[in-house]
Amino acid sequence: MLERLIHSLETSPVMKRGEYNYFINPITDGVPLLEPALLREIGCAMVRSLDLADVDKIVVCEAMGIHIGVAFSMMTDIPLVVVRKRPYGLPGEVAVHQATGYSKGELYLNGVNPGDRVVIIDDVCSTGGTLRALISAIEMTGAETQVRVVDTCL
């Protein structure tokens, strides 16, 4: 199981960004070519391993969470929410600060409502900065905090 993902991670080049070692992979960067079979393998593994019975929405962060979220949403028929790096100013928009090993900035969540139950999909978790920001934003909406977090590179 997950042979394609494991192979892609084991063969990923690693580069330095300041003090941070950053790996380059089709799932986390879209480089090199992202094969549909790899996305399908990840989506199938998530469907098999997660209890999605009470999940109302899938939450991903732009940009590299979008392709994983779309594949997962299409497989499960669960609506997709994309957290953006720019504000739209819509009613109920929640802004939170994100700090990772190599960047920092604001994230903007729209489309999650009080009582929603969500699953968060992150392409990779190295410092936890993105996940902390997403969980904080979801809690601010009044959504249920029983989130399931999926790191596709585990």
N, C-alpha and C. Protein backbone atom coordinates (compact mmCIF):
# COMPACT_ATOMS: atom_id res chain seq x y z
N MET A 1 0.84 -1.18 0.00
CA MET A 1 0.00 0.00 0.00
C MET A 1 0.89 1.25 0.00
N LEU A 2 0.49 2.25 -0.73
CA LEU A 2 1.17 3.54 -0.86
C LEU A 2 2.57 3.43 -1.46
N GLU A 3 2.78 2.42 -2.30
CA GLU A 3 4.09 2.23 -2.91
C GLU A 3 4.52 3.45 -3.74
N ARG A 4 3.59 4.00 -4.52
CA ARG A 4 3.93 5.17 -5.35
C ARG A 4 4.32 6.36 -4.49
N LEU A 5 3.57 6.60 -3.41
CA LEU A 5 3.87 7.72 -2.52
C LEU A 5 5.23 7.52 -1.85
N ILE A 6 5.46 6.34 -1.34
CA ILE A 6 6.74 6.04 -0.67
C ILE A 6 7.90 6.25 -1.65
N HIS A 7 7.77 5.72 -2.86
CA HIS A 7 8.83 5.88 -3.86
C HIS A 7 9.05 7.36 -4.19
N SER A 8 7.97 8.12 -4.36
CA SER A 8 8.13 9.53 -4.71
C SER A 8 8.81 10.30 -3.58
N LEU A 9 8.53 9.95 -2.34
CA LEU A 9 9.17 10.63 -1.21
C LEU A 9 10.64 10.22 -1.07
N GLU A 10 10.91 8.94 -1.25
CA GLU A 10 12.30 8.47 -1.11
C GLU A 10 13.22 9.03 -2.20
N THR A 11 12.66 9.37 -3.34
CA THR A 11 13.48 9.86 -4.45
C THR A 11 13.39 11.38 -4.62
N SER A 12 12.77 12.07 -3.67
CA SER A 12 12.64 13.52 -3.76
C SER A 12 13.96 14.22 -3.50
N PRO A 13 14.30 15.21 -4.34
CA PRO A 13 15.48 16.01 -4.04
C PRO A 13 15.22 16.91 -2.83
N VAL A 14 16.27 17.23 -2.10
CA VAL A 14 16.18 18.09 -0.93
C VAL A 14 17.06 19.31 -1.17
N MET A 15 16.51 20.50 -0.86
CA MET A 15 17.29 21.73 -1.00
C MET A 15 17.19 22.54 0.28
N LYS A 16 18.18 23.37 0.51
CA LYS A 16 18.20 24.24 1.69
C LYS A 16 17.44 25.52 1.38
N ARG A 17 16.56 25.92 2.29
CA ARG A 17 15.92 27.24 2.27
C ARG A 17 16.28 27.87 3.60
N GLY A 18 17.33 28.66 3.61
CA GLY A 18 17.84 29.20 4.87
C GLY A 18 18.36 28.05 5.71
N GLU A 19 17.81 27.90 6.91
CA GLU A 19 18.21 26.81 7.81
C GLU A 19 17.32 25.58 7.64
N TYR A 20 16.36 25.64 6.74
CA TYR A 20 15.35 24.60 6.62
C TYR A 20 15.64 23.71 5.42
N ASN A 21 15.60 22.39 5.61
CA ASN A 21 15.72 21.43 4.51
C ASN A 21 14.34 21.23 3.91
N TYR A 22 14.19 21.53 2.62
CA TYR A 22 12.91 21.48 1.93
C TYR A 22 12.99 20.41 0.85
N PHE A 23 12.05 19.45 0.88
CA PHE A 23 12.07 18.43 -0.17
C PHE A 23 11.08 18.81 -1.27
N ILE A 24 11.41 18.42 -2.49
CA ILE A 24 10.60 18.76 -3.66
C ILE A 24 9.94 17.48 -4.15
N ASN A 25 8.61 17.50 -4.21
CA ASN A 25 7.84 16.30 -4.51
C ASN A 25 6.58 16.67 -5.29
N PRO A 26 6.10 15.80 -6.17
CA PRO A 26 4.88 16.11 -6.92
C PRO A 26 3.68 16.44 -6.04
N ILE A 27 3.54 15.78 -4.90
CA ILE A 27 2.40 16.04 -4.02
C ILE A 27 2.55 17.38 -3.30
N THR A 28 3.73 17.71 -2.86
CA THR A 28 3.92 18.93 -2.08
C THR A 28 4.24 20.15 -2.93
N ASP A 29 4.68 19.94 -4.16
CA ASP A 29 5.11 21.07 -4.99
C ASP A 29 4.54 21.05 -6.41
N GLY A 30 4.00 19.93 -6.84
CA GLY A 30 3.55 19.81 -8.22
C GLY A 30 4.71 19.66 -9.20
N VAL A 31 5.90 19.41 -8.68
CA VAL A 31 7.10 19.26 -9.48
C VAL A 31 7.83 18.02 -8.99
N PRO A 32 8.34 17.13 -9.79
CA PRO A 32 8.05 17.07 -11.21
C PRO A 32 6.60 16.66 -11.46
N LEU A 33 6.33 16.11 -12.59
CA LEU A 33 4.99 15.75 -13.03
C LEU A 33 4.21 14.98 -11.96
N LEU A 34 2.98 15.41 -11.72
CA LEU A 34 2.09 14.72 -10.77
C LEU A 34 1.21 13.75 -11.53
N GLU A 35 1.44 12.47 -11.32
CA GLU A 35 0.69 11.43 -12.01
C GLU A 35 -0.66 11.17 -11.33
N PRO A 36 -1.73 11.00 -12.11
CA PRO A 36 -3.05 10.70 -11.53
C PRO A 36 -3.03 9.46 -10.63
N ALA A 37 -2.22 8.48 -10.97
CA ALA A 37 -2.17 7.25 -10.15
C ALA A 37 -1.69 7.54 -8.73
N LEU A 38 -0.78 8.50 -8.57
CA LEU A 38 -0.30 8.87 -7.24
C LEU A 38 -1.42 9.53 -6.44
N LEU A 39 -2.15 10.45 -7.05
CA LEU A 39 -3.29 11.09 -6.37
C LEU A 39 -4.35 10.05 -5.99
N ARG A 40 -4.63 9.14 -6.92
CA ARG A 40 -5.63 8.10 -6.66
C ARG A 40 -5.19 7.21 -5.50
N GLU A 41 -3.92 6.85 -5.46
CA GLU A 41 -3.39 6.01 -4.37
C GLU A 41 -3.58 6.71 -3.03
N ILE A 42 -3.25 7.98 -2.97
CA ILE A 42 -3.41 8.75 -1.72
C ILE A 42 -4.87 8.85 -1.33
N GLY A 43 -5.73 9.19 -2.31
CA GLY A 43 -7.16 9.31 -2.04
C GLY A 43 -7.76 8.01 -1.53
N CYS A 44 -7.41 6.91 -2.17
CA CYS A 44 -7.93 5.60 -1.74
C CYS A 44 -7.47 5.26 -0.32
N ALA A 45 -6.21 5.56 -0.02
CA ALA A 45 -5.70 5.28 1.33
C ALA A 45 -6.45 6.11 2.37
N MET A 46 -6.75 7.38 2.05
CA MET A 46 -7.48 8.22 3.00
C MET A 46 -8.90 7.71 3.19
N VAL A 47 -9.56 7.31 2.10
CA VAL A 47 -10.92 6.78 2.20
C VAL A 47 -10.94 5.53 3.07
N ARG A 48 -9.94 4.66 2.91
CA ARG A 48 -9.88 3.42 3.70
C ARG A 48 -9.58 3.68 5.17
N SER A 49 -8.78 4.70 5.47
CA SER A 49 -8.29 4.86 6.84
C SER A 49 -9.09 5.84 7.70
N LEU A 50 -9.95 6.66 7.09
CA LEU A 50 -10.68 7.66 7.86
C LEU A 50 -12.14 7.28 8.05
N ASP A 51 -12.67 7.58 9.22
CA ASP A 51 -14.10 7.45 9.46
C ASP A 51 -14.73 8.77 9.02
N LEU A 52 -15.39 8.76 7.88
CA LEU A 52 -15.95 9.98 7.29
C LEU A 52 -17.46 10.09 7.49
N ALA A 53 -18.03 9.21 8.32
CA ALA A 53 -19.49 9.16 8.46
C ALA A 53 -20.09 10.51 8.86
N ASP A 54 -19.43 11.27 9.71
CA ASP A 54 -20.00 12.53 10.20
C ASP A 54 -19.28 13.76 9.66
N VAL A 55 -18.45 13.62 8.65
CA VAL A 55 -17.70 14.76 8.12
C VAL A 55 -18.58 15.54 7.15
N ASP A 56 -18.64 16.87 7.37
CA ASP A 56 -19.43 17.75 6.52
C ASP A 56 -18.60 18.41 5.43
N LYS A 57 -17.31 18.67 5.72
CA LYS A 57 -16.48 19.42 4.78
C LYS A 57 -15.03 18.97 4.86
N ILE A 58 -14.36 19.07 3.73
CA ILE A 58 -12.92 18.84 3.63
C ILE A 58 -12.27 20.22 3.58
N VAL A 59 -11.25 20.45 4.41
CA VAL A 59 -10.54 21.73 4.43
C VAL A 59 -9.10 21.51 4.01
N VAL A 60 -8.67 22.29 3.01
CA VAL A 60 -7.28 22.25 2.54
C VAL A 60 -6.77 23.67 2.42
N CYS A 61 -5.46 23.81 2.41
CA CYS A 61 -4.83 25.12 2.25
C CYS A 61 -4.25 25.23 0.84
N GLU A 62 -4.43 26.42 0.25
CA GLU A 62 -3.82 26.61 -1.07
C GLU A 62 -2.31 26.66 -0.91
N ALA A 63 -1.55 26.36 -1.85
CA ALA A 63 -1.95 25.91 -3.15
C ALA A 63 -1.86 24.39 -3.24
N MET A 64 -0.92 23.81 -2.53
CA MET A 64 -0.64 22.39 -2.77
C MET A 64 -1.63 21.44 -2.12
N GLY A 65 -2.54 21.93 -1.31
CA GLY A 65 -3.58 21.05 -0.80
C GLY A 65 -4.74 20.89 -1.75
N ILE A 66 -4.83 21.79 -2.73
CA ILE A 66 -6.01 21.82 -3.60
C ILE A 66 -6.16 20.53 -4.40
N HIS A 67 -5.12 20.08 -5.06
CA HIS A 67 -5.25 18.89 -5.90
C HIS A 67 -5.60 17.64 -5.08
N ILE A 68 -5.05 17.53 -3.88
CA ILE A 68 -5.37 16.39 -3.03
C ILE A 68 -6.82 16.49 -2.57
N GLY A 69 -7.23 17.70 -2.16
CA GLY A 69 -8.60 17.91 -1.72
C GLY A 69 -9.62 17.66 -2.80
N VAL A 70 -9.33 18.08 -4.03
CA VAL A 70 -10.25 17.85 -5.14
C VAL A 70 -10.41 16.35 -5.39
N ALA A 71 -9.31 15.62 -5.43
CA ALA A 71 -9.39 14.18 -5.65
C ALA A 71 -10.20 13.51 -4.54
N PHE A 72 -9.93 13.90 -3.29
CA PHE A 72 -10.63 13.31 -2.14
C PHE A 72 -12.10 13.68 -2.15
N SER A 73 -12.42 14.92 -2.46
CA SER A 73 -13.81 15.37 -2.53
C SER A 73 -14.58 14.62 -3.60
N MET A 74 -13.96 14.41 -4.75
CA MET A 74 -14.63 13.69 -5.83
C MET A 74 -14.86 12.22 -5.47
N MET A 75 -13.96 11.66 -4.67
CA MET A 75 -14.11 10.25 -4.28
C MET A 75 -15.17 10.07 -3.20
N THR A 76 -15.41 11.11 -2.38
CA THR A 76 -16.28 10.97 -1.22
C THR A 76 -17.58 11.77 -1.32
N ASP A 77 -17.68 12.67 -2.28
CA ASP A 77 -18.82 13.59 -2.40
C ASP A 77 -18.95 14.52 -1.20
N ILE A 78 -17.87 14.76 -0.48
CA ILE A 78 -17.85 15.71 0.63
C ILE A 78 -17.37 17.05 0.06
N PRO A 79 -18.11 18.15 0.34
CA PRO A 79 -17.71 19.47 -0.20
C PRO A 79 -16.33 19.89 0.28
N LEU A 80 -15.68 20.71 -0.56
CA LEU A 80 -14.31 21.14 -0.34
C LEU A 80 -14.26 22.63 -0.01
N VAL A 81 -13.49 22.98 1.04
CA VAL A 81 -13.21 24.36 1.42
C VAL A 81 -11.71 24.59 1.23
N VAL A 82 -11.36 25.63 0.47
CA VAL A 82 -9.96 25.97 0.25
C VAL A 82 -9.63 27.20 1.08
N VAL A 83 -8.69 27.06 2.00
CA VAL A 83 -8.21 28.19 2.79
C VAL A 83 -7.22 28.95 1.93
N ARG A 84 -7.43 30.26 1.82
CA ARG A 84 -6.66 31.10 0.91
C ARG A 84 -5.61 31.92 1.62
N LYS A 85 -4.65 32.40 0.85
CA LYS A 85 -3.59 33.25 1.39
C LYS A 85 -3.88 34.73 1.15
N ARG A 86 -5.09 35.03 0.70
CA ARG A 86 -5.51 36.43 0.54
C ARG A 86 -6.96 36.55 1.00
N PRO A 87 -7.33 37.72 1.49
CA PRO A 87 -8.71 37.89 1.97
C PRO A 87 -9.69 38.13 0.83
N TYR A 88 -10.92 37.69 1.06
CA TYR A 88 -12.01 37.98 0.14
C TYR A 88 -13.01 38.93 0.78
N GLY A 89 -12.97 39.05 2.11
CA GLY A 89 -13.86 39.97 2.80
C GLY A 89 -15.30 39.49 2.86
N LEU A 90 -15.52 38.19 2.72
CA LEU A 90 -16.87 37.65 2.79
C LEU A 90 -17.34 37.61 4.25
N PRO A 91 -18.66 37.67 4.46
CA PRO A 91 -19.17 37.57 5.84
C PRO A 91 -18.71 36.25 6.48
N GLY A 92 -18.23 36.34 7.71
CA GLY A 92 -17.78 35.15 8.44
C GLY A 92 -16.36 34.73 8.14
N GLU A 93 -15.65 35.47 7.29
CA GLU A 93 -14.26 35.12 6.98
C GLU A 93 -13.41 35.19 8.25
N VAL A 94 -12.56 34.20 8.43
CA VAL A 94 -11.68 34.14 9.59
C VAL A 94 -10.23 34.23 9.10
N ALA A 95 -9.48 35.15 9.69
CA ALA A 95 -8.05 35.31 9.36
C ALA A 95 -7.22 34.78 10.52
N VAL A 96 -6.18 34.02 10.19
CA VAL A 96 -5.25 33.52 11.20
C VAL A 96 -3.84 33.63 10.67
N HIS A 97 -2.88 33.72 11.58
CA HIS A 97 -1.47 33.80 11.20
C HIS A 97 -0.90 32.40 11.10
N GLN A 98 -0.13 32.17 10.05
CA GLN A 98 0.54 30.89 9.83
C GLN A 98 2.05 31.12 9.84
N ALA A 99 2.77 30.27 10.55
CA ALA A 99 4.23 30.31 10.54
C ALA A 99 4.73 28.89 10.37
N THR A 100 5.52 28.67 9.29
CA THR A 100 6.10 27.36 9.04
C THR A 100 7.61 27.47 9.14
N GLY A 101 8.31 26.41 8.80
CA GLY A 101 9.76 26.42 8.86
C GLY A 101 10.39 27.34 7.83
N TYR A 102 9.65 27.72 6.79
CA TYR A 102 10.25 28.52 5.72
C TYR A 102 9.41 29.71 5.29
N SER A 103 8.24 29.94 5.91
CA SER A 103 7.42 31.10 5.53
C SER A 103 6.47 31.46 6.66
N LYS A 104 5.89 32.65 6.53
CA LYS A 104 4.85 33.06 7.46
C LYS A 104 3.93 34.03 6.73
N GLY A 105 2.69 34.11 7.22
CA GLY A 105 1.71 34.98 6.60
C GLY A 105 0.32 34.69 7.12
N GLU A 106 -0.65 35.36 6.55
CA GLU A 106 -2.03 35.18 6.97
C GLU A 106 -2.72 34.14 6.10
N LEU A 107 -3.67 33.43 6.69
CA LEU A 107 -4.56 32.51 5.99
C LEU A 107 -5.99 32.97 6.23
N TYR A 108 -6.86 32.74 5.25
CA TYR A 108 -8.24 33.21 5.32
C TYR A 108 -9.19 32.06 5.04
N LEU A 109 -10.05 31.78 6.01
CA LEU A 109 -11.01 30.68 5.93
C LEU A 109 -12.40 31.22 5.68
N ASN A 110 -13.06 30.69 4.68
CA ASN A 110 -14.46 30.98 4.39
C ASN A 110 -15.20 29.65 4.22
N GLY A 111 -16.48 29.64 4.50
CA GLY A 111 -17.29 28.46 4.18
C GLY A 111 -17.40 27.40 5.25
N VAL A 112 -16.83 27.63 6.43
CA VAL A 112 -17.00 26.70 7.55
C VAL A 112 -17.90 27.39 8.55
N ASN A 113 -18.94 26.70 8.97
CA ASN A 113 -19.99 27.28 9.81
C ASN A 113 -20.06 26.60 11.18
N PRO A 114 -20.70 27.27 12.14
CA PRO A 114 -20.87 26.64 13.46
C PRO A 114 -21.51 25.26 13.32
N GLY A 115 -20.95 24.30 14.04
CA GLY A 115 -21.48 22.94 14.02
C GLY A 115 -20.92 22.05 12.93
N ASP A 116 -20.24 22.63 11.93
CA ASP A 116 -19.64 21.80 10.88
C ASP A 116 -18.60 20.87 11.49
N ARG A 117 -18.49 19.69 10.90
CA ARG A 117 -17.44 18.73 11.26
C ARG A 117 -16.55 18.59 10.05
N VAL A 118 -15.26 18.80 10.25
CA VAL A 118 -14.36 18.87 9.11
C VAL A 118 -13.21 17.87 9.23
N VAL A 119 -12.64 17.57 8.08
CA VAL A 119 -11.37 16.86 8.00
C VAL A 119 -10.39 17.83 7.34
N ILE A 120 -9.22 17.97 7.93
CA ILE A 120 -8.17 18.83 7.37
C ILE A 120 -7.18 17.94 6.64
N ILE A 121 -6.87 18.30 5.40
CA ILE A 121 -5.86 17.59 4.64
C ILE A 121 -4.72 18.55 4.38
N ASP A 122 -3.53 18.18 4.81
CA ASP A 122 -2.33 18.98 4.58
C ASP A 122 -1.38 18.14 3.75
N ASP A 123 -0.74 18.75 2.76
CA ASP A 123 0.14 17.98 1.89
C ASP A 123 1.36 17.45 2.64
N VAL A 124 1.86 18.23 3.61
CA VAL A 124 2.99 17.77 4.41
C VAL A 124 2.99 18.54 5.73
N CYS A 125 3.36 17.87 6.79
CA CYS A 125 3.44 18.52 8.09
C CYS A 125 4.87 18.40 8.58
N SER A 126 5.57 19.53 8.63
CA SER A 126 6.95 19.49 9.13
C SER A 126 7.05 20.18 10.47
N THR A 127 6.55 21.40 10.59
CA THR A 127 6.60 22.14 11.86
C THR A 127 5.25 22.18 12.56
N GLY A 128 4.18 21.90 11.83
CA GLY A 128 2.83 21.99 12.40
C GLY A 128 2.23 23.38 12.31
N GLY A 129 2.95 24.33 11.73
CA GLY A 129 2.48 25.71 11.67
C GLY A 129 1.18 25.88 10.90
N THR A 130 1.07 25.23 9.76
CA THR A 130 -0.15 25.33 8.97
C THR A 130 -1.31 24.67 9.70
N LEU A 131 -1.09 23.49 10.26
CA LEU A 131 -2.17 22.79 10.96
C LEU A 131 -2.63 23.58 12.18
N ARG A 132 -1.70 24.17 12.93
CA ARG A 132 -2.10 24.98 14.08
C ARG A 132 -2.98 26.14 13.64
N ALA A 133 -2.60 26.80 12.56
CA ALA A 133 -3.39 27.92 12.04
C ALA A 133 -4.76 27.46 11.57
N LEU A 134 -4.83 26.35 10.86
CA LEU A 134 -6.11 25.86 10.36
C LEU A 134 -7.04 25.44 11.50
N ILE A 135 -6.51 24.74 12.46
CA ILE A 135 -7.34 24.31 13.61
C ILE A 135 -7.85 25.53 14.36
N SER A 136 -7.00 26.52 14.56
CA SER A 136 -7.41 27.76 15.23
C SER A 136 -8.53 28.45 14.45
N ALA A 137 -8.39 28.55 13.13
CA ALA A 137 -9.42 29.20 12.31
C ALA A 137 -10.74 28.45 12.39
N ILE A 138 -10.67 27.13 12.33
CA ILE A 138 -11.89 26.32 12.39
C ILE A 138 -12.58 26.49 13.74
N GLU A 139 -11.80 26.49 14.82
CA GLU A 139 -12.39 26.71 16.15
C GLU A 139 -13.06 28.07 16.24
N MET A 140 -12.47 29.10 15.59
CA MET A 140 -13.07 30.44 15.62
C MET A 140 -14.43 30.50 14.94
N THR A 141 -14.69 29.59 14.01
CA THR A 141 -15.98 29.60 13.31
C THR A 141 -17.09 29.00 14.15
N GLY A 142 -16.73 28.28 15.20
CA GLY A 142 -17.74 27.56 15.98
C GLY A 142 -17.98 26.17 15.46
N ALA A 143 -17.19 25.75 14.49
CA ALA A 143 -17.31 24.37 14.00
C ALA A 143 -16.85 23.43 15.10
N GLU A 144 -17.30 22.20 15.01
CA GLU A 144 -16.88 21.20 16.00
C GLU A 144 -15.38 21.01 15.89
N THR A 145 -14.73 20.93 17.02
CA THR A 145 -13.27 20.84 17.04
C THR A 145 -12.77 19.40 16.98
N GLN A 146 -13.65 18.47 16.72
CA GLN A 146 -13.21 17.08 16.56
C GLN A 146 -12.77 16.88 15.12
N VAL A 147 -11.69 17.53 14.75
CA VAL A 147 -11.19 17.45 13.38
C VAL A 147 -10.31 16.23 13.22
N ARG A 148 -10.28 15.72 12.03
CA ARG A 148 -9.37 14.64 11.67
C ARG A 148 -8.32 15.27 10.77
N VAL A 149 -7.09 15.08 11.08
CA VAL A 149 -6.01 15.68 10.31
C VAL A 149 -5.32 14.61 9.50
N VAL A 150 -5.13 14.87 8.22
CA VAL A 150 -4.45 13.94 7.34
C VAL A 150 -3.22 14.61 6.79
N ASP A 151 -2.06 14.03 7.05
CA ASP A 151 -0.81 14.49 6.46
C ASP A 151 -0.47 13.45 5.40
N THR A 152 -0.51 13.85 4.13
CA THR A 152 -0.34 12.86 3.06
C THR A 152 1.07 12.31 2.96
N CYS A 153 2.00 12.86 3.70
CA CYS A 153 3.38 12.36 3.63
C CYS A 153 3.76 11.52 4.84
N LEU A 154 2.79 11.12 5.65
CA LEU A 154 3.12 10.25 6.79
C LEU A 154 3.39 8.84 6.32
